[in-house]
Every structure is written in C-alpha cells, then in structure tokens.
PDB file of N, CA and C in Angstrom:
ATOM      1  N   UNK A   1       6.804  12.826  -9.014  1.00  0.00           N
ATOM      2  CA  UNK A   1       6.247  11.917  -8.046  1.00  0.00           C
ATOM      3  C   UNK A   1       5.652  12.730  -6.912  1.00  0.00           C
ATOM      4  N   UNK A   2       4.467  12.378  -6.497  1.00  0.00           N
ATOM      5  CA  UNK A   2       3.817  13.038  -5.372  1.00  0.00           C
ATOM      6  C   UNK A   2       3.726  12.060  -4.216  1.00  0.00           C
ATOM      7  N   UNK A   3       4.108  12.538  -3.043  1.00  0.00           N
ATOM      8  CA  UNK A   3       3.907  11.755  -1.826  1.00  0.00           C
ATOM      9  C   UNK A   3       3.149  12.638  -0.855  1.00  0.00           C
ATOM     10  N   UNK A   4       2.372  12.049  -0.001  1.00  0.00           N
ATOM     11  CA  UNK A   4       1.542  12.816   0.921  1.00  0.00           C
ATOM     12  C   UNK A   4       2.141  12.782   2.320  1.00  0.00           C
ATOM     13  N   UNK A   5       3.377  13.288   2.423  1.00  0.00           N
ATOM     14  CA  UNK A   5       4.095  13.380   3.693  1.00  0.00           C
ATOM     15  C   UNK A   5       5.039  14.567   3.618  1.00  0.00           C
ATOM     16  N   UNK A   6       5.448  15.029   4.798  1.00  0.00           N
ATOM     17  CA  UNK A   6       6.528  16.019   4.851  1.00  0.00           C
ATOM     18  C   UNK A   6       7.826  15.232   4.785  1.00  0.00           C
ATOM     19  N   UNK A   7       8.343  15.055   3.571  1.00  0.00           N
ATOM     20  CA  UNK A   7       9.543  14.246   3.355  1.00  0.00           C
ATOM     21  C   UNK A   7      10.484  14.987   2.411  1.00  0.00           C
ATOM     22  N   UNK A   8      11.765  14.756   2.602  1.00  0.00           N
ATOM     23  CA  UNK A   8      12.790  15.367   1.764  1.00  0.00           C
ATOM     24  C   UNK A   8      13.755  14.293   1.306  1.00  0.00           C
ATOM     25  N   UNK A   9      14.162  14.374   0.054  1.00  0.00           N
ATOM     26  CA  UNK A   9      15.116  13.433  -0.523  1.00  0.00           C
ATOM     27  C   UNK A   9      16.329  14.224  -1.010  1.00  0.00           C
ATOM     28  N   UNK A  10      17.511  13.742  -0.677  1.00  0.00           N
ATOM     29  CA  UNK A  10      18.745  14.423  -1.074  1.00  0.00           C
ATOM     30  C   UNK A  10      19.694  13.393  -1.673  1.00  0.00           C
ATOM     31  N   UNK A  11      20.240  13.705  -2.829  1.00  0.00           N
ATOM     32  CA  UNK A  11      21.233  12.863  -3.486  1.00  0.00           C
ATOM     33  C   UNK A  11      22.500  13.687  -3.602  1.00  0.00           C
ATOM     34  N   UNK A  12      23.596  13.126  -3.108  1.00  0.00           N
ATOM     35  CA  UNK A  12      24.829  13.896  -3.127  1.00  0.00           C
ATOM     36  C   UNK A  12      26.018  13.089  -3.589  1.00  0.00           C
ATOM     37  N   UNK A  13      26.938  13.772  -4.224  1.00  0.00           N
ATOM     38  CA  UNK A  13      28.241  13.214  -4.580  1.00  0.00           C
ATOM     39  C   UNK A  13      29.267  13.910  -3.711  1.00  0.00           C
ATOM     40  N   UNK A  14      29.887  13.178  -2.806  1.00  0.00           N
ATOM     41  CA  UNK A  14      30.839  13.738  -1.863  1.00  0.00           C
ATOM     42  C   UNK A  14      32.246  13.257  -2.189  1.00  0.00           C
ATOM     43  N   UNK A  15      33.176  14.186  -2.239  1.00  0.00           N
ATOM     44  CA  UNK A  15      34.571  13.812  -2.418  1.00  0.00           C
ATOM     45  C   UNK A  15      35.133  13.262  -1.118  1.00  0.00           C
ATOM     46  N   UNK A  16      36.082  12.360  -1.232  1.00  0.00           N
ATOM     47  CA  UNK A  16      36.736  11.786  -0.056  1.00  0.00           C
ATOM     48  C   UNK A  16      37.215  12.911   0.862  1.00  0.00           C
ATOM     49  N   UNK A  17      36.915  12.772   2.152  1.00  0.00           N
ATOM     50  CA  UNK A  17      37.325  13.760   3.141  1.00  0.00           C
ATOM     51  C   UNK A  17      36.302  14.844   3.407  1.00  0.00           C
ATOM     52  N   UNK A  18      35.255  14.933   2.603  1.00  0.00           N
ATOM     53  CA  UNK A  18      34.214  15.939   2.816  1.00  0.00           C
ATOM     54  C   UNK A  18      33.426  15.609   4.077  1.00  0.00           C
ATOM     55  N   UNK A  19      33.233  16.601   4.941  1.00  0.00           N
ATOM     56  CA  UNK A  19      32.413  16.443   6.144  1.00  0.00           C
ATOM     57  C   UNK A  19      31.307  17.481   6.118  1.00  0.00           C
ATOM     58  N   UNK A  20      30.129  17.082   6.576  1.00  0.00           N
ATOM     59  CA  UNK A  20      29.010  18.004   6.662  1.00  0.00           C
ATOM     60  C   UNK A  20      28.060  17.534   7.741  1.00  0.00           C
ATOM     61  N   UNK A  21      27.189  18.437   8.165  1.00  0.00           N
ATOM     62  CA  UNK A  21      26.136  18.105   9.116  1.00  0.00           C
ATOM     63  C   UNK A  21      24.804  18.266   8.407  1.00  0.00           C
ATOM     64  N   UNK A  22      23.934  17.271   8.548  1.00  0.00           N
ATOM     65  CA  UNK A  22      22.591  17.351   7.998  1.00  0.00           C
ATOM     66  C   UNK A  22      21.654  17.669   9.151  1.00  0.00           C
ATOM     67  N   UNK A  23      20.888  18.737   9.033  1.00  0.00           N
ATOM     68  CA  UNK A  23      19.941  19.132  10.066  1.00  0.00           C
ATOM     69  C   UNK A  23      18.541  18.660   9.693  1.00  0.00           C
ATOM     70  N   UNK A  24      17.899  17.968  10.607  1.00  0.00           N
ATOM     71  CA  UNK A  24      16.529  17.487  10.398  1.00  0.00           C
ATOM     72  C   UNK A  24      15.617  18.699  10.205  1.00  0.00           C
ATOM     73  N   UNK A  25      14.781  18.636   9.172  1.00  0.00           N
ATOM     74  CA  UNK A  25      13.950  19.773   8.811  1.00  0.00           C
ATOM     75  C   UNK A  25      12.671  19.885   9.634  1.00  0.00           C
ATOM     76  N   UNK A  26      12.155  18.760  10.124  1.00  0.00           N
ATOM     77  CA  UNK A  26      10.901  18.797  10.864  1.00  0.00           C
ATOM     78  C   UNK A  26      11.018  17.909  12.100  1.00  0.00           C
ATOM     79  N   UNK A  27      10.700  18.454  13.283  1.00  0.00           N
ATOM     80  CA  UNK A  27      10.760  17.633  14.505  1.00  0.00           C
ATOM     81  C   UNK A  27       9.913  16.367  14.353  1.00  0.00           C
ATOM     82  N   UNK A  28      10.433  15.267  14.840  1.00  0.00           N
ATOM     83  CA  UNK A  28       9.727  13.990  14.739  1.00  0.00           C
ATOM     84  C   UNK A  28      10.121  13.180  13.520  1.00  0.00           C
ATOM     85  N   UNK A  29      10.853  13.794  12.592  1.00  0.00           N
ATOM     86  CA  UNK A  29      11.325  13.067  11.415  1.00  0.00           C
ATOM     87  C   UNK A  29      12.612  12.316  11.737  1.00  0.00           C
ATOM     88  N   UNK A  30      12.906  11.349  10.914  1.00  0.00           N
ATOM     89  CA  UNK A  30      14.169  10.628  10.966  1.00  0.00           C
ATOM     90  C   UNK A  30      14.747  10.585   9.565  1.00  0.00           C
ATOM     91  N   UNK A  31      15.944  10.026   9.453  1.00  0.00           N
ATOM     92  CA  UNK A  31      16.618   9.963   8.159  1.00  0.00           C
ATOM     93  C   UNK A  31      17.058   8.538   7.886  1.00  0.00           C
ATOM     94  N   UNK A  32      16.768   8.071   6.681  1.00  0.00           N
ATOM     95  CA  UNK A  32      17.344   6.832   6.174  1.00  0.00           C
ATOM     96  C   UNK A  32      18.453   7.245   5.217  1.00  0.00           C
ATOM     97  N   UNK A  33      19.653   6.754   5.484  1.00  0.00           N
ATOM     98  CA  UNK A  33      20.812   7.085   4.659  1.00  0.00           C
ATOM     99  C   UNK A  33      21.273   5.828   3.932  1.00  0.00           C
ATOM    100  N   UNK A  34      21.529   5.967   2.646  1.00  0.00           N
ATOM    101  CA  UNK A  34      21.997   4.850   1.826  1.00  0.00           C
ATOM    102  C   UNK A  34      23.256   5.269   1.078  1.00  0.00           C
ATOM    103  N   UNK A  35      24.301   4.469   1.211  1.00  0.00           N
ATOM    104  CA  UNK A  35      25.524   4.702   0.449  1.00  0.00           C
ATOM    105  C   UNK A  35      25.364   3.937  -0.863  1.00  0.00           C
ATOM    106  N   UNK A  36      25.146   4.656  -1.936  1.00  0.00           N
ATOM    107  CA  UNK A  36      24.951   4.032  -3.237  1.00  0.00           C
ATOM    108  C   UNK A  36      26.274   3.545  -3.817  1.00  0.00           C
ATOM    109  N   UNK A  37      27.341   4.288  -3.503  1.00  0.00           N
ATOM    110  CA  UNK A  37      28.676   3.923  -3.976  1.00  0.00           C
ATOM    111  C   UNK A  37      29.679   4.631  -3.088  1.00  0.00           C
ATOM    112  N   UNK A  38      30.762   3.956  -2.712  1.00  0.00           N
ATOM    113  CA  UNK A  38      31.798   4.576  -1.906  1.00  0.00           C
ATOM    114  C   UNK A  38      31.713   4.158  -0.454  1.00  0.00           C
ATOM    115  N   UNK A  39      32.085   5.077   0.442  1.00  0.00           N
ATOM    116  CA  UNK A  39      32.089   4.792   1.875  1.00  0.00           C
ATOM    117  C   UNK A  39      31.960   6.103   2.641  1.00  0.00           C
ATOM    118  N   UNK A  40      31.265   6.033   3.785  1.00  0.00           N
ATOM    119  CA  UNK A  40      31.067   7.223   4.607  1.00  0.00           C
ATOM    120  C   UNK A  40      30.829   6.808   6.051  1.00  0.00           C
ATOM    121  N   UNK A  41      31.095   7.739   6.946  1.00  0.00           N
ATOM    122  CA  UNK A  41      30.719   7.582   8.345  1.00  0.00           C
ATOM    123  C   UNK A  41      29.544   8.508   8.590  1.00  0.00           C
ATOM    124  N   UNK A  42      28.427   7.922   9.039  1.00  0.00           N
ATOM    125  CA  UNK A  42      27.203   8.674   9.271  1.00  0.00           C
ATOM    126  C   UNK A  42      26.749   8.397  10.689  1.00  0.00           C
ATOM    127  N   UNK A  43      26.598   9.461  11.477  1.00  0.00           N
ATOM    128  CA  UNK A  43      26.186   9.332  12.877  1.00  0.00           C
ATOM    129  C   UNK A  43      27.062   8.315  13.618  1.00  0.00           C
ATOM    130  N   UNK A  44      28.356   8.321  13.294  1.00  0.00           N
ATOM    131  CA  UNK A  44      29.306   7.449  13.975  1.00  0.00           C
ATOM    132  C   UNK A  44      29.383   6.027  13.446  1.00  0.00           C
ATOM    133  N   UNK A  45      28.590   5.695  12.435  1.00  0.00           N
ATOM    134  CA  UNK A  45      28.568   4.347  11.869  1.00  0.00           C
ATOM    135  C   UNK A  45      29.280   4.343  10.515  1.00  0.00           C
ATOM    136  N   UNK A  46      30.172   3.374  10.334  1.00  0.00           N
ATOM    137  CA  UNK A  46      30.865   3.257   9.052  1.00  0.00           C
ATOM    138  C   UNK A  46      29.991   2.476   8.071  1.00  0.00           C
ATOM    139  N   UNK A  47      29.766   3.069   6.907  1.00  0.00           N
ATOM    140  CA  UNK A  47      28.937   2.447   5.879  1.00  0.00           C
ATOM    141  C   UNK A  47      29.729   2.355   4.580  1.00  0.00           C
ATOM    142  N   UNK A  48      29.475   1.284   3.838  1.00  0.00           N
ATOM    143  CA  UNK A  48      30.114   1.088   2.531  1.00  0.00           C
ATOM    144  C   UNK A  48      29.034   0.932   1.477  1.00  0.00           C
ATOM    145  N   UNK A  49      29.445   0.734   0.225  1.00  0.00           N
ATOM    146  CA  UNK A  49      28.513   0.601  -0.883  1.00  0.00           C
ATOM    147  C   UNK A  49      27.373  -0.359  -0.537  1.00  0.00           C
ATOM    148  N   UNK A  50      26.149   0.112  -0.765  1.00  0.00           N
ATOM    149  CA  UNK A  50      24.896  -0.623  -0.575  1.00  0.00           C
ATOM    150  C   UNK A  50      24.493  -0.788   0.875  1.00  0.00           C
ATOM    151  N   UNK A  51      25.188  -0.125   1.813  1.00  0.00           N
ATOM    152  CA  UNK A  51      24.777  -0.134   3.214  1.00  0.00           C
ATOM    153  C   UNK A  51      23.749   0.960   3.451  1.00  0.00           C
ATOM    154  N   UNK A  52      22.886   0.739   4.422  1.00  0.00           N
ATOM    155  CA  UNK A  52      21.891   1.724   4.804  1.00  0.00           C
ATOM    156  C   UNK A  52      21.837   1.868   6.311  1.00  0.00           C
ATOM    157  N   UNK A  53      21.295   2.991   6.771  1.00  0.00           N
ATOM    158  CA  UNK A  53      21.211   3.286   8.196  1.00  0.00           C
ATOM    159  C   UNK A  53      20.002   4.160   8.439  1.00  0.00           C
ATOM    160  N   UNK A  54      19.234   3.838   9.466  1.00  0.00           N
ATOM    161  CA  UNK A  54      18.121   4.679   9.892  1.00  0.00           C
ATOM    162  C   UNK A  54      18.497   5.388  11.181  1.00  0.00           C
ATOM    163  N   UNK A  55      18.240   6.691  11.241  1.00  0.00           N
ATOM    164  CA  UNK A  55      18.569   7.487  12.420  1.00  0.00           C
ATOM    165  C   UNK A  55      17.361   8.344  12.775  1.00  0.00           C
ATOM    166  N   UNK A  56      16.961   8.334  14.042  1.00  0.00           N
ATOM    167  CA  UNK A  56      15.840   9.141  14.484  1.00  0.00           C
ATOM    168  C   UNK A  56      16.117   9.601  15.902  1.00  0.00           C
ATOM    169  N   UNK A  57      15.209  10.418  16.436  1.00  0.00           N
ATOM    170  CA  UNK A  57      15.367  11.024  17.761  1.00  0.00           C
ATOM    171  C   UNK A  57      16.671  11.809  17.856  1.00  0.00           C
ATOM    172  N   UNK A  58      16.945  12.599  16.822  1.00  0.00           N
ATOM    173  CA  UNK A  58      18.099  13.490  16.773  1.00  0.00           C
ATOM    174  C   UNK A  58      17.717  14.710  15.960  1.00  0.00           C
ATOM    175  N   UNK A  59      18.497  15.764  16.099  1.00  0.00           N
ATOM    176  CA  UNK A  59      18.253  16.982  15.322  1.00  0.00           C
ATOM    177  C   UNK A  59      19.241  17.153  14.188  1.00  0.00           C
ATOM    178  N   UNK A  60      20.375  16.388  14.243  1.00  0.00           N
ATOM    179  CA  UNK A  60      21.426  16.587  13.258  1.00  0.00           C
ATOM    180  C   UNK A  60      22.244  15.309  13.090  1.00  0.00           C
ATOM    181  N   UNK A  61      22.754  15.092  11.879  1.00  0.00           N
ATOM    182  CA  UNK A  61      23.626  13.955  11.574  1.00  0.00           C
ATOM    183  C   UNK A  61      24.968  14.461  11.076  1.00  0.00           C
ATOM    184  N   UNK A  62      26.034  13.880  11.599  1.00  0.00           N
ATOM    185  CA  UNK A  62      27.370  14.172  11.083  1.00  0.00           C
ATOM    186  C   UNK A  62      27.679  13.157   9.981  1.00  0.00           C
ATOM    187  N   UNK A  63      28.151  13.651   8.840  1.00  0.00           N
ATOM    188  CA  UNK A  63      28.475  12.805   7.687  1.00  0.00           C
ATOM    189  C   UNK A  63      29.888  13.122   7.226  1.00  0.00           C
ATOM    190  N   UNK A  64      30.713  12.077   7.069  1.00  0.00           N
ATOM    191  CA  UNK A  64      32.058  12.240   6.528  1.00  0.00           C
ATOM    192  C   UNK A  64      32.276  11.191   5.448  1.00  0.00           C
ATOM    193  N   UNK A  65      32.631  11.626   4.253  1.00  0.00           N
ATOM    194  CA  UNK A  65      32.942  10.705   3.158  1.00  0.00           C
ATOM    195  C   UNK A  65      34.358  10.169   3.374  1.00  0.00           C
ATOM    196  N   UNK A  66      34.484   8.855   3.534  1.00  0.00           N
ATOM    197  CA  UNK A  66      35.805   8.243   3.713  1.00  0.00           C
ATOM    198  C   UNK A  66      36.361   7.728   2.394  1.00  0.00           C
ATOM    199  N   UNK A  67      35.598   7.913   1.334  1.00  0.00           N
ATOM    200  CA  UNK A  67      35.987   7.619  -0.048  1.00  0.00           C
ATOM    201  C   UNK A  67      35.119   8.532  -0.910  1.00  0.00           C
ATOM    202  N   UNK A  68      35.367   8.630  -2.190  1.00  0.00           N
ATOM    203  CA  UNK A  68      34.437   9.340  -3.063  1.00  0.00           C
ATOM    204  C   UNK A  68      33.109   8.596  -2.976  1.00  0.00           C
ATOM    205  N   UNK A  69      32.035   9.318  -2.664  1.00  0.00           N
ATOM    206  CA  UNK A  69      30.794   8.660  -2.259  1.00  0.00           C
ATOM    207  C   UNK A  69      29.569   9.272  -2.919  1.00  0.00           C
ATOM    208  N   UNK A  70      28.647   8.408  -3.338  1.00  0.00           N
ATOM    209  CA  UNK A  70      27.324   8.838  -3.782  1.00  0.00           C
ATOM    210  C   UNK A  70      26.364   8.407  -2.680  1.00  0.00           C
ATOM    211  N   UNK A  71      25.600   9.369  -2.148  1.00  0.00           N
ATOM    212  CA  UNK A  71      24.800   9.161  -0.949  1.00  0.00           C
ATOM    213  C   UNK A  71      23.363   9.614  -1.174  1.00  0.00           C
ATOM    214  N   UNK A  72      22.405   8.842  -0.682  1.00  0.00           N
ATOM    215  CA  UNK A  72      20.992   9.204  -0.720  1.00  0.00           C
ATOM    216  C   UNK A  72      20.489   9.336   0.707  1.00  0.00           C
ATOM    217  N   UNK A  73      19.901  10.491   1.027  1.00  0.00           N
ATOM    218  CA  UNK A  73      19.265  10.705   2.324  1.00  0.00           C
ATOM    219  C   UNK A  73      17.776  10.893   2.102  1.00  0.00           C
ATOM    220  N   UNK A  74      16.975  10.208   2.895  1.00  0.00           N
ATOM    221  CA  UNK A  74      15.522  10.348   2.829  1.00  0.00           C
ATOM    222  C   UNK A  74      15.031  10.707   4.226  1.00  0.00           C
ATOM    223  N   UNK A  75      14.569  11.936   4.380  1.00  0.00           N
ATOM    224  CA  UNK A  75      14.017  12.373   5.662  1.00  0.00           C
ATOM    225  C   UNK A  75      12.505  12.197   5.616  1.00  0.00           C
ATOM    226  N   UNK A  76      11.990  11.430   6.570  1.00  0.00           N
ATOM    227  CA  UNK A  76      10.562  11.093   6.582  1.00  0.00           C
ATOM    228  C   UNK A  76      10.030  11.094   8.013  1.00  0.00           C
ATOM    229  N   UNK A  77       8.707  11.243   8.174  1.00  0.00           N
ATOM    230  CA  UNK A  77       8.115  11.134   9.504  1.00  0.00           C
ATOM    231  C   UNK A  77       8.341   9.742  10.074  1.00  0.00           C
ATOM    232  N   UNK A  78       8.556   9.678  11.385  1.00  0.00           N
ATOM    233  CA  UNK A  78       8.817   8.393  12.020  1.00  0.00           C
ATOM    234  C   UNK A  78       7.575   7.824  12.711  1.00  0.00           C
ATOM    235  N   UNK A  79       6.460   8.552  12.653  1.00  0.00           N
ATOM    236  CA  UNK A  79       5.215   8.070  13.207  1.00  0.00           C
ATOM    237  C   UNK A  79       4.104   8.264  12.188  1.00  0.00           C
ATOM    238  N   UNK A  80       3.110   7.418  12.265  1.00  0.00           N
ATOM    239  CA  UNK A  80       1.947   7.580  11.398  1.00  0.00           C
ATOM    240  C   UNK A  80       1.158   8.806  11.810  1.00  0.00           C
ATOM    241  N   UNK A  81       0.572   9.541  10.879  1.00  0.00           N
ATOM    242  CA  UNK A  81      -0.242  10.711  11.228  1.00  0.00           C
ATOM    243  C   UNK A  81      -1.365  10.314  12.177  1.00  0.00           C
ATOM    244  N   UNK A  82      -1.636  11.193  13.129  1.00  0.00           N
ATOM    245  CA  UNK A  82      -2.713  10.944  14.073  1.00  0.00           C
ATOM    246  C   UNK A  82      -2.352  10.046  15.235  1.00  0.00           C
ATOM    247  N   UNK A  83      -1.116   9.602  15.310  1.00  0.00           N
ATOM    248  CA  UNK A  83      -0.694   8.726  16.420  1.00  0.00           C
ATOM    249  C   UNK A  83      -0.105   9.537  17.529  1.00  0.00           C
TER     250      UNK A  83
END
C-alpha cells in the first residue's frame, strides 16, 4: 500500500504489565491508537478492546498494557500540507 504522507503504522502484541514510551517521529504529527484486543493505558487514558484515542501536540506517549494486548498505532500529520 502506498500513501502520500509521512506516516508510520505499528502493530504490537504486548504482554500484561509491559510499559513503553512511543516517540513521535516527525514534529507536527499525532498518533491514533487502537486497542484491537485487551486493555492498555495510553497517555493516561484507560482503553479496552475496540477503543481508540487520538493524541497530538506531544513528543511522546506512555503506554502500559493492563492485560495481554494487541495494539495498533498510526502516526500521521495533523495538518493538511500547505496549511
């Protein structure tokens, strides 16, 4: 698949209790996080299966799996080009 943006997609399987920090790769980008299965705390918000969260105007996200979790992160620009 080709997209014409500076975007990154990450799919992870996290064991319960795993904590990590995700660092934004490009200034001005944000992250949409989706819990596909399980539960996690992302940027201080508790999310469960099929929950999503958008986070922007930050450089890093704290992620903690509160259950065995499958997680999708999509880092994308938060503004249209040329704006």
